[in-house]
PDB file of N, CA and C in Angstrom:
ATOM      1  N   MET A   1      76.050  78.938 109.212  1.00  0.00           N
ATOM      2  CA  MET A   1      76.083  79.988 111.151  1.00  0.00           C
ATOM      3  C   MET A   1      77.371  80.993 110.862  1.00  0.00           C
ATOM      4  N   TYR A   2      76.529  82.026 110.781  1.00  0.00           N
ATOM      5  CA  TYR A   2      77.675  82.890 110.677  1.00  0.00           C
ATOM      6  C   TYR A   2      77.525  83.908 112.332  1.00  0.00           C
ATOM      7  N   MET A   3      79.343  83.757 112.842  1.00  0.00           N
ATOM      8  CA  MET A   3      79.318  84.796 114.017  1.00  0.00           C
ATOM      9  C   MET A   3      79.814  85.966 113.430  1.00  0.00           C
ATOM     10  N   LEU A   4      79.215  87.328 114.013  1.00  0.00           N
ATOM     11  CA  LEU A   4      79.832  88.317 114.241  1.00  0.00           C
ATOM     12  C   LEU A   4      80.389  89.256 115.282  1.00  0.00           C
ATOM     13  N   CYS A   5      81.428  89.649 114.886  1.00  0.00           N
ATOM     14  CA  CYS A   5      81.963  90.072 116.524  1.00  0.00           C
ATOM     15  C   CYS A   5      82.157  91.957 116.320  1.00  0.00           C
ATOM     16  N   MET A   6      81.054  91.667 117.236  1.00  0.00           N
ATOM     17  CA  MET A   6      81.018  93.477 117.078  1.00  0.00           C
ATOM     18  C   MET A   6      81.384  94.158 117.923  1.00  0.00           C
ATOM     19  N   LYS A   7      82.461  94.895 117.589  1.00  0.00           N
ATOM     20  CA  LYS A   7      83.946  95.491 118.431  1.00  0.00           C
ATOM     21  C   LYS A   7      83.041  96.727 118.885  1.00  0.00           C
ATOM     22  N   LYS A   8      83.594  97.836 119.001  1.00  0.00           N
ATOM     23  CA  LYS A   8      82.658  99.061 120.202  1.00  0.00           C
ATOM     24  C   LYS A   8      84.119  99.656 119.068  1.00  0.00           C
ATOM     25  N   ARG A   9      83.154 101.188 118.943  1.00  0.00           N
ATOM     26  CA  ARG A   9      83.883 101.885 117.867  1.00  0.00           C
ATOM     27  C   ARG A   9      84.031 103.291 118.041  1.00  0.00           C
ATOM     28  N   THR A  10      84.482 104.375 117.817  1.00  0.00           N
ATOM     29  CA  THR A  10      84.014 105.209 117.478  1.00  0.00           C
ATOM     30  C   THR A  10      85.156 106.474 116.405  1.00  0.00           C
ATOM     31  N   THR A  11      84.360 107.431 116.456  1.00  0.00           N
ATOM     32  CA  THR A  11      84.607 108.605 115.600  1.00  0.00           C
ATOM     33  C   THR A  11      85.861 109.113 115.554  1.00  0.00           C
ATOM     34  N   ILE A  12      86.432 109.284 115.151  1.00  0.00           N
ATOM     35  CA  ILE A  12      87.471 110.875 115.917  1.00  0.00           C
ATOM     36  C   ILE A  12      87.719 111.428 114.574  1.00  0.00           C
ATOM     37  N   GLN A  13      87.965 113.266 114.632  1.00  0.00           N
ATOM     38  CA  GLN A  13      88.682 114.340 113.857  1.00  0.00           C
ATOM     39  C   GLN A  13      89.644 113.607 113.933  1.00  0.00           C
ATOM     40  N   ILE A  14      90.334 113.842 112.423  1.00  0.00           N
ATOM     41  CA  ILE A  14      91.796 114.431 112.570  1.00  0.00           C
ATOM     42  C   ILE A  14      91.752 115.816 111.008  1.00  0.00           C
ATOM     43  N   GLU A  15      92.823 115.980 110.977  1.00  0.00           N
ATOM     44  CA  GLU A  15      93.327 117.108 110.062  1.00  0.00           C
ATOM     45  C   GLU A  15      93.644 115.810 108.803  1.00  0.00           C
ATOM     46  N   LYS A  16      93.744 116.599 107.530  1.00  0.00           N
ATOM     47  CA  LYS A  16      93.489 115.644 106.539  1.00  0.00           C
ATOM     48  C   LYS A  16      94.751 115.576 106.346  1.00  0.00           C
ATOM     49  N   ASN A  17      95.843 115.866 106.373  1.00  0.00           N
ATOM     50  CA  ASN A  17      97.701 116.405 106.880  1.00  0.00           C
ATOM     51  C   ASN A  17      97.376 115.244 107.583  1.00  0.00           C
ATOM     52  N   THR A  18      96.871 114.759 108.675  1.00  0.00           N
ATOM     53  CA  THR A  18      97.545 114.033 109.739  1.00  0.00           C
ATOM     54  C   THR A  18      97.240 112.361 109.218  1.00  0.00           C
ATOM     55  N   LEU A  19      95.683 112.607 108.928  1.00  0.00           N
ATOM     56  CA  LEU A  19      95.411 111.189 107.542  1.00  0.00           C
ATOM     57  C   LEU A  19      96.225 110.480 106.678  1.00  0.00           C
ATOM     58  N   GLU A  20      96.846 111.180 105.971  1.00  0.00           N
ATOM     59  CA  GLU A  20      98.554 111.677 104.640  1.00  0.00           C
ATOM     60  C   GLU A  20      99.714 110.891 106.053  1.00  0.00           C
ATOM     61  N   ARG A  21      99.617 111.414 107.188  1.00  0.00           N
ATOM     62  CA  ARG A  21     100.427 110.692 108.019  1.00  0.00           C
ATOM     63  C   ARG A  21     100.763 109.345 107.801  1.00  0.00           C
ATOM     64  N   LEU A  22      99.303 108.992 108.467  1.00  0.00           N
ATOM     65  CA  LEU A  22      98.977 107.776 109.394  1.00  0.00           C
ATOM     66  C   LEU A  22      99.402 106.865 108.065  1.00  0.00           C
ATOM     67  N   LYS A  23      98.656 107.710 107.476  1.00  0.00           N
ATOM     68  CA  LYS A  23      98.540 106.436 106.055  1.00  0.00           C
ATOM     69  C   LYS A  23     100.364 105.526 105.402  1.00  0.00           C
ATOM     70  N   LYS A  24     101.092 106.717 105.590  1.00  0.00           N
ATOM     71  CA  LYS A  24     102.319 106.619 105.188  1.00  0.00           C
ATOM     72  C   LYS A  24     103.379 105.516 106.462  1.00  0.00           C
ATOM     73  N   LEU A  25     102.811 105.140 107.146  1.00  0.00           N
ATOM     74  CA  LEU A  25     103.168 104.255 108.480  1.00  0.00           C
ATOM     75  C   LEU A  25     102.632 103.885 108.495  1.00  0.00           C
ATOM     76  N   ARG A  26     101.952 102.498 107.850  1.00  0.00           N
ATOM     77  CA  ARG A  26     101.109 102.009 106.904  1.00  0.00           C
ATOM     78  C   ARG A  26     102.434 100.542 106.877  1.00  0.00           C
ATOM     79  N   ILE A  27     102.313  99.618 107.607  1.00  0.00           N
ATOM     80  CA  ILE A  27     103.570  98.694 107.463  1.00  0.00           C
ATOM     81  C   ILE A  27     102.924  97.358 106.227  1.00  0.00           C
ATOM     82  N   THR A  28     101.435  97.397 106.143  1.00  0.00           N
ATOM     83  CA  THR A  28     100.350  96.628 104.798  1.00  0.00           C
ATOM     84  C   THR A  28      99.644  97.670 104.583  1.00  0.00           C
ATOM     85  N   LYS A  29      99.362  97.349 103.777  1.00  0.00           N
ATOM     86  CA  LYS A  29      97.949  98.422 102.688  1.00  0.00           C
ATOM     87  C   LYS A  29      97.052  98.080 103.775  1.00  0.00           C
ATOM     88  N   ARG A  30      97.049  96.332 103.906  1.00  0.00           N
ATOM     89  CA  ARG A  30      95.564  96.123 104.736  1.00  0.00           C
ATOM     90  C   ARG A  30      95.635  96.413 106.206  1.00  0.00           C
ATOM     91  N   GLU A  31      96.664  97.251 106.805  1.00  0.00           N
ATOM     92  CA  GLU A  31      97.010  97.240 108.579  1.00  0.00           C
ATOM     93  C   GLU A  31      95.878  98.443 108.045  1.00  0.00           C
ATOM     94  N   THR A  32      94.869  98.923 109.833  1.00  0.00           N
ATOM     95  CA  THR A  32      94.017  99.099 109.772  1.00  0.00           C
ATOM     96  C   THR A  32      94.369 100.501 110.890  1.00  0.00           C
ATOM     97  N   TYR A  33      93.903 101.982 110.387  1.00  0.00           N
ATOM     98  CA  TYR A  33      94.556 102.859 111.618  1.00  0.00           C
ATOM     99  C   TYR A  33      94.032 102.436 112.604  1.00  0.00           C
ATOM    100  N   ASP A  34      93.278 102.006 113.314  1.00  0.00           N
ATOM    101  CA  ASP A  34      94.071 101.378 114.955  1.00  0.00           C
ATOM    102  C   ASP A  34      94.503 100.153 115.296  1.00  0.00           C
ATOM    103  N   GLU A  35      95.255  99.229 114.043  1.00  0.00           N
ATOM    104  CA  GLU A  35      95.986  98.866 114.325  1.00  0.00           C
ATOM    105  C   GLU A  35      97.668  99.604 114.545  1.00  0.00           C
ATOM    106  N   ILE A  36      97.582 100.652 113.661  1.00  0.00           N
ATOM    107  CA  ILE A  36      98.928 101.509 113.660  1.00  0.00           C
ATOM    108  C   ILE A  36      98.848 102.414 114.990  1.00  0.00           C
ATOM    109  N   LEU A  37      97.771 103.029 114.930  1.00  0.00           N
ATOM    110  CA  LEU A  37      97.776 103.676 116.390  1.00  0.00           C
ATOM    111  C   LEU A  37      97.997 103.553 118.059  1.00  0.00           C
ATOM    112  N   ASN A  38      97.356 102.168 117.982  1.00  0.00           N
ATOM    113  CA  ASN A  38      97.936 101.035 118.856  1.00  0.00           C
ATOM    114  C   ASN A  38      99.160 100.673 118.598  1.00  0.00           C
ATOM    115  N   ARG A  39      99.679 100.139 117.521  1.00  0.00           N
ATOM    116  CA  ARG A  39     101.569 100.067 117.452  1.00  0.00           C
ATOM    117  C   ARG A  39     102.246 100.964 117.705  1.00  0.00           C
ATOM    118  N   LEU A  40     101.830 102.536 117.575  1.00  0.00           N
ATOM    119  CA  LEU A  40     102.850 103.235 117.608  1.00  0.00           C
ATOM    120  C   LEU A  40     103.177 103.971 119.361  1.00  0.00           C
ATOM    121  N   ILE A  41     101.652 103.370 120.130  1.00  0.00           N
ATOM    122  CA  ILE A  41     101.428 103.453 121.217  1.00  0.00           C
ATOM    123  C   ILE A  41     102.467 102.914 122.141  1.00  0.00           C
ATOM    124  N   LYS A  42     102.495 101.322 121.330  1.00  0.00           N
ATOM    125  CA  LYS A  42     103.157 100.479 122.311  1.00  0.00           C
ATOM    126  C   LYS A  42     105.007 100.438 122.177  1.00  0.00           C
ATOM    127  N   ASN A  43     104.731 100.835 121.278  1.00  0.00           N
ATOM    128  CA  ASN A  43     106.658 101.320 120.633  1.00  0.00           C
ATOM    129  C   ASN A  43     106.735 102.971 121.891  1.00  0.00           C
ATOM    130  N   GLU A  44     105.525 103.359 122.036  1.00  0.00           N
ATOM    131  CA  GLU A  44     106.188 105.443 122.729  1.00  0.00           C
ATOM    132  C   GLU A  44     106.321 104.170 123.687  1.00  0.00           C
ATOM    133  N   ASN A  45     105.402 103.540 124.560  1.00  0.00           N
ATOM    134  CA  ASN A  45     105.437 103.095 125.884  1.00  0.00           C
ATOM    135  C   ASN A  45     106.768 102.198 126.544  1.00  0.00           C
ATOM    136  N   LYS A  46     107.554 101.016 125.191  1.00  0.00           N
ATOM    137  CA  LYS A  46     107.918 100.811 125.519  1.00  0.00           C
ATOM    138  C   LYS A  46     109.808 102.076 125.360  1.00  0.00           C
ATOM    139  N   LYS A  47     109.494 102.803 125.272  1.00  0.00           N
ATOM    140  CA  LYS A  47     110.308 103.894 125.459  1.00  0.00           C
ATOM    141  C   LYS A  47     110.420 104.507 127.019  1.00  0.00           C
ATOM    142  N   GLY A  48     109.105 104.483 126.903  1.00  0.00           N
ATOM    143  CA  GLY A  48     108.864 105.301 128.735  1.00  0.00           C
ATOM    144  C   GLY A  48     109.687 103.875 129.903  1.00  0.00           C
ATOM    145  N   LEU A  49     110.439 103.159 129.140  1.00  0.00           N
ATOM    146  CA  LEU A  49     110.706 102.341 130.483  1.00  0.00           C
ATOM    147  C   LEU A  49     112.082 101.700 131.196  1.00  0.00           C
TER     148      LEU A  49
END
């Protein structure tokens, strides 16, 4: 039996330069852009405390 986990997803438009910058921020090759962005947001929120 297979369980599918359907997450809500969306598409955002970014410039190719921004995409390349995001790729450089990857900790691992398997890290998703969503994970990168959430990590950046989390780190930024910590700074504001």
